Amino acid sequence: AWRYYPWVNWADGRENGQLKSVTYRKQRNDTMLKVEFHSQFGQYNTGKCTEYFVQFNGQECTQPAPIVTSLYGYSRHGYNQWGTAPPGELSGFCNATSQGHILSGPLAVSIHVYSRCSGGTAYTGKHGRSARQSDELSSH
């Protein structure tokens, strides 16, 4: 069952923590979940990095792999790229977490941000439109 969750005129400047969470009702035990998160991702300090990742009921995916993307700040011609937040996508498939196969029923699917390098300045959304969608797919 495909679900779409839009957020309009949304922005979040936090460095660490949960950005968004939705409850998705998984219909069957023998399926995997496809998750996509579209937004603007910004990292405004040179040499710093920010990681965006998805959790299911508080656990990262382990099968087939964690759903994660990293963003690194850089300097072009001696100045930081402050103020730019290019569109980005975080997407992947999940069959199981460290707690085992994701069973049918209500499931808290959340997007998190984590500044792995000290001094990072993350910014998400940039007062634009962000969306998260989920789909349940056959794992066979």
C-alpha atoms as a PDB file:
ATOM      1  CA  ALA A   1       0.000   0.000   0.000  1.00  0.00           C
ATOM      2  CA  TRP A   2       1.675   3.150  -1.265  1.00  0.00           C
ATOM      3  CA  ARG A   3       1.606   6.221   1.029  1.00  0.00           C
ATOM      4  CA  TYR A   4       2.710   9.810   0.392  1.00  0.00           C
ATOM      5  CA  TYR A   5       3.393  12.311   3.203  1.00  0.00           C
ATOM      6  CA  PRO A   6       4.029  15.908   2.021  1.00  0.00           C
ATOM      7  CA  TRP A   7       5.364  18.784   4.150  1.00  0.00           C
ATOM      8  CA  VAL A   8       5.071  22.283   2.665  1.00  0.00           C
ATOM      9  CA  ASN A   9       7.094  25.360   3.689  1.00  0.00           C
ATOM     10  CA  TRP A  10       9.069  23.261   6.138  1.00  0.00           C
ATOM     11  CA  ALA A  11      12.618  23.774   7.405  1.00  0.00           C
ATOM     12  CA  ASP A  12      14.695  22.327  10.234  1.00  0.00           C
ATOM     13  CA  GLY A  13      18.107  23.522  11.380  1.00  0.00           C
ATOM     14  CA  ARG A  14      18.827  20.831  13.956  1.00  0.00           C
ATOM     15  CA  GLU A  15      22.202  19.097  13.917  1.00  0.00           C
ATOM     16  CA  ASN A  16      21.093  15.839  15.526  1.00  0.00           C
ATOM     17  CA  GLY A  17      17.816  14.064  16.109  1.00  0.00           C
ATOM     18  CA  GLN A  18      14.570  13.047  14.501  1.00  0.00           C
ATOM     19  CA  LEU A  19      13.371  15.287  11.694  1.00  0.00           C
ATOM     20  CA  LYS A  20      10.061  13.657  10.761  1.00  0.00           C
ATOM     21  CA  SER A  21       8.112  10.550  11.701  1.00  0.00           C
ATOM     22  CA  VAL A  22       5.002   8.905  10.321  1.00  0.00           C
ATOM     23  CA  THR A  23       3.089   5.767  11.174  1.00  0.00           C
ATOM     24  CA  TYR A  24       2.829   3.309   8.317  1.00  0.00           C
ATOM     25  CA  ARG A  25       0.655   0.197   8.569  1.00  0.00           C
ATOM     26  CA  LYS A  26       2.474  -2.722   6.993  1.00  0.00           C
ATOM     27  CA  GLN A  27      -0.087  -5.101   5.489  1.00  0.00           C
ATOM     28  CA  ARG A  28       1.839  -8.374   5.144  1.00  0.00           C
ATOM     29  CA  ASN A  29       4.722 -10.171   6.854  1.00  0.00           C
ATOM     30  CA  ASP A  30       6.368 -11.385   3.623  1.00  0.00           C
ATOM     31  CA  THR A  31       7.023  -7.944   2.110  1.00  0.00           C
ATOM     32  CA  MET A  32       9.782  -5.341   2.325  1.00  0.00           C
ATOM     33  CA  LEU A  33       9.398  -1.591   2.580  1.00  0.00           C
ATOM     34  CA  LYS A  34      10.608   0.979   0.085  1.00  0.00           C
ATOM     35  CA  VAL A  35      11.170   4.414   1.634  1.00  0.00           C
ATOM     36  CA  GLU A  36      11.958   7.692  -0.130  1.00  0.00           C
ATOM     37  CA  PHE A  37      12.561  11.111   1.422  1.00  0.00           C
ATOM     38  CA  HIS A  38      12.916  14.120  -0.892  1.00  0.00           C
ATOM     39  CA  SER A  39      14.044  17.465   0.511  1.00  0.00           C
ATOM     40  CA  GLN A  40      16.797  20.055   0.388  1.00  0.00           C
ATOM     41  CA  PHE A  41      19.908  18.940   2.299  1.00  0.00           C
ATOM     42  CA  GLY A  42      22.460  21.513   3.448  1.00  0.00           C
ATOM     43  CA  GLN A  43      25.843  21.296   5.197  1.00  0.00           C
ATOM     44  CA  TYR A  44      27.430  24.684   5.548  1.00  0.00           C
ATOM     45  CA  ASN A  45      30.829  24.167   7.152  1.00  0.00           C
ATOM     46  CA  THR A  46      33.873  23.188   5.113  1.00  0.00           C
ATOM     47  CA  GLY A  47      35.254  19.783   5.982  1.00  0.00           C
ATOM     48  CA  LYS A  48      32.180  18.805   8.024  1.00  0.00           C
ATOM     49  CA  CYS A  49      29.628  16.136   7.322  1.00  0.00           C
ATOM     50  CA  THR A  50      26.011  15.321   8.038  1.00  0.00           C
ATOM     51  CA  GLU A  51      24.333  11.938   7.786  1.00  0.00           C
ATOM     52  CA  TYR A  52      20.642  11.395   7.079  1.00  0.00           C
ATOM     53  CA  PHE A  53      19.148   7.984   7.871  1.00  0.00           C
ATOM     54  CA  VAL A  54      15.856   6.103   8.268  1.00  0.00           C
ATOM     55  CA  GLN A  55      14.702   4.125  11.299  1.00  0.00           C
ATOM     56  CA  PHE A  56      11.859   1.640  11.672  1.00  0.00           C
ATOM     57  CA  ASN A  57      10.437   1.493  15.220  1.00  0.00           C
ATOM     58  CA  GLY A  58      13.672   3.083  16.450  1.00  0.00           C
ATOM     59  CA  GLN A  59      16.009   0.655  14.640  1.00  0.00           C
ATOM     60  CA  GLU A  60      18.060   1.095  11.488  1.00  0.00           C
ATOM     61  CA  CYS A  61      17.588  -1.386   8.686  1.00  0.00           C
ATOM     62  CA  THR A  62      20.032  -4.311   8.592  1.00  0.00           C
ATOM     63  CA  GLN A  63      18.712  -6.236   5.566  1.00  0.00           C
ATOM     64  CA  PRO A  64      19.584  -5.615   2.870  1.00  0.00           C
ATOM     65  CA  ALA A  65      21.469  -2.550   4.253  1.00  0.00           C
ATOM     66  CA  PRO A  66      20.933   0.664   6.259  1.00  0.00           C
ATOM     67  CA  ILE A  67      19.123   3.458   4.411  1.00  0.00           C
ATOM     68  CA  VAL A  68      21.555   6.360   4.750  1.00  0.00           C
ATOM     69  CA  THR A  69      23.151   9.217   2.824  1.00  0.00           C
ATOM     70  CA  SER A  70      25.962  11.598   3.786  1.00  0.00           C
ATOM     71  CA  LEU A  71      26.544  15.208   2.863  1.00  0.00           C
ATOM     72  CA  TYR A  72      29.939  16.906   3.095  1.00  0.00           C
ATOM     73  CA  GLY A  73      30.597  20.646   3.293  1.00  0.00           C
ATOM     74  CA  TYR A  74      33.244  21.958   0.933  1.00  0.00           C
ATOM     75  CA  SER A  75      34.920  25.202   0.013  1.00  0.00           C
ATOM     76  CA  ARG A  76      35.006  26.525  -3.519  1.00  0.00           C
ATOM     77  CA  HIS A  77      37.480  29.296  -4.317  1.00  0.00           C
ATOM     78  CA  GLY A  78      38.148  29.886  -0.614  1.00  0.00           C
ATOM     79  CA  TYR A  79      34.591  30.460   0.627  1.00  0.00           C
ATOM     80  CA  ASN A  80      31.947  28.178   2.089  1.00  0.00           C
ATOM     81  CA  GLN A  81      28.864  27.351   0.081  1.00  0.00           C
ATOM     82  CA  TRP A  82      26.608  28.913   2.750  1.00  0.00           C
ATOM     83  CA  GLY A  83      23.012  29.351   1.737  1.00  0.00           C
ATOM     84  CA  THR A  84      22.879  26.491  -0.736  1.00  0.00           C
ATOM     85  CA  ALA A  85      20.666  23.533   0.032  1.00  0.00           C
ATOM     86  CA  PRO A  86      20.493  21.386  -3.094  1.00  0.00           C
ATOM     87  CA  PRO A  87      17.635  18.972  -3.558  1.00  0.00           C
ATOM     88  CA  GLY A  88      18.438  15.518  -2.315  1.00  0.00           C
ATOM     89  CA  GLU A  89      16.934  12.094  -1.948  1.00  0.00           C
ATOM     90  CA  LEU A  90      17.295   9.443   0.715  1.00  0.00           C
ATOM     91  CA  SER A  91      15.883   6.140  -0.491  1.00  0.00           C
ATOM     92  CA  GLY A  92      16.184   2.415  -0.045  1.00  0.00           C
ATOM     93  CA  PHE A  93      14.563  -0.887   0.809  1.00  0.00           C
ATOM     94  CA  CYS A  94      14.232  -2.614   4.172  1.00  0.00           C
ATOM     95  CA  ASN A  95      13.394  -6.191   5.008  1.00  0.00           C
ATOM     96  CA  ALA A  96      14.602  -6.422   8.618  1.00  0.00           C
ATOM     97  CA  THR A  97      16.207  -4.554  11.521  1.00  0.00           C
ATOM     98  CA  SER A  98      18.400  -5.904  14.311  1.00  0.00           C
ATOM     99  CA  GLN A  99      15.139  -6.916  16.018  1.00  0.00           C
ATOM    100  CA  GLY A 100      14.258  -9.220  13.118  1.00  0.00           C
ATOM    101  CA  HIS A 101      11.935  -9.197  10.116  1.00  0.00           C
ATOM    102  CA  ILE A 102       9.559  -6.221   9.992  1.00  0.00           C
ATOM    103  CA  LEU A 103       6.145  -7.710  10.719  1.00  0.00           C
ATOM    104  CA  SER A 104       2.738  -6.436   9.643  1.00  0.00           C
ATOM    105  CA  GLY A 105       1.031  -3.799  11.748  1.00  0.00           C
ATOM    106  CA  PRO A 106       1.712  -0.190  12.734  1.00  0.00           C
ATOM    107  CA  LEU A 107       5.292   0.897  12.072  1.00  0.00           C
ATOM    108  CA  ALA A 108       6.948   4.175  13.088  1.00  0.00           C
ATOM    109  CA  VAL A 109       9.111   5.235  10.136  1.00  0.00           C
ATOM    110  CA  SER A 110      11.347   8.188  10.993  1.00  0.00           C
ATOM    111  CA  ILE A 111      13.969  10.334   9.253  1.00  0.00           C
ATOM    112  CA  HIS A 112      16.961  11.399  11.363  1.00  0.00           C
ATOM    113  CA  VAL A 113      19.925  13.735  10.971  1.00  0.00           C
ATOM    114  CA  TYR A 114      23.307  13.325  12.659  1.00  0.00           C
ATOM    115  CA  SER A 115      26.315  15.642  12.360  1.00  0.00           C
ATOM    116  CA  ARG A 116      29.146  13.128  12.549  1.00  0.00           C
ATOM    117  CA  CYS A 117      31.888  15.746  12.379  1.00  0.00           C
ATOM    118  CA  SER A 118      32.020  18.351  15.155  1.00  0.00           C
ATOM    119  CA  GLY A 119      31.112  21.849  14.069  1.00  0.00           C
ATOM    120  CA  GLY A 120      28.804  20.789  11.265  1.00  0.00           C
ATOM    121  CA  THR A 121      25.889  23.042  10.392  1.00  0.00           C
ATOM    122  CA  ALA A 122      23.072  20.987   8.910  1.00  0.00           C
ATOM    123  CA  TYR A 123      19.931  22.459   7.421  1.00  0.00           C
ATOM    124  CA  THR A 124      17.030  20.499   5.980  1.00  0.00           C
ATOM    125  CA  GLY A 125      13.987  21.655   4.056  1.00  0.00           C
ATOM    126  CA  LYS A 126      14.956  25.283   3.380  1.00  0.00           C
ATOM    127  CA  HIS A 127      11.288  26.392   3.536  1.00  0.00           C
ATOM    128  CA  GLY A 128      10.465  24.368   0.454  1.00  0.00           C
ATOM    129  CA  ARG A 129       8.485  21.223  -0.076  1.00  0.00           C
ATOM    130  CA  SER A 130       9.601  17.929   1.375  1.00  0.00           C
ATOM    131  CA  ALA A 131       7.926  14.566   1.033  1.00  0.00           C
ATOM    132  CA  ARG A 132       8.316  11.056   2.304  1.00  0.00           C
ATOM    133  CA  GLN A 133       6.698   8.096   0.672  1.00  0.00           C
ATOM    134  CA  SER A 134       6.483   4.426   1.539  1.00  0.00           C
ATOM    135  CA  ASP A 135       5.540   1.419  -0.469  1.00  0.00           C
ATOM    136  CA  GLU A 136       5.230  -2.245   0.447  1.00  0.00           C
ATOM    137  CA  LEU A 137       6.823  -4.589  -2.114  1.00  0.00           C
ATOM    138  CA  SER A 138       7.079  -8.321  -2.515  1.00  0.00           C
ATOM    139  CA  SER A 139      10.406  -9.626  -1.247  1.00  0.00           C
ATOM    140  CA  HIS A 140      10.352 -12.563  -3.664  1.00  0.00           C
END
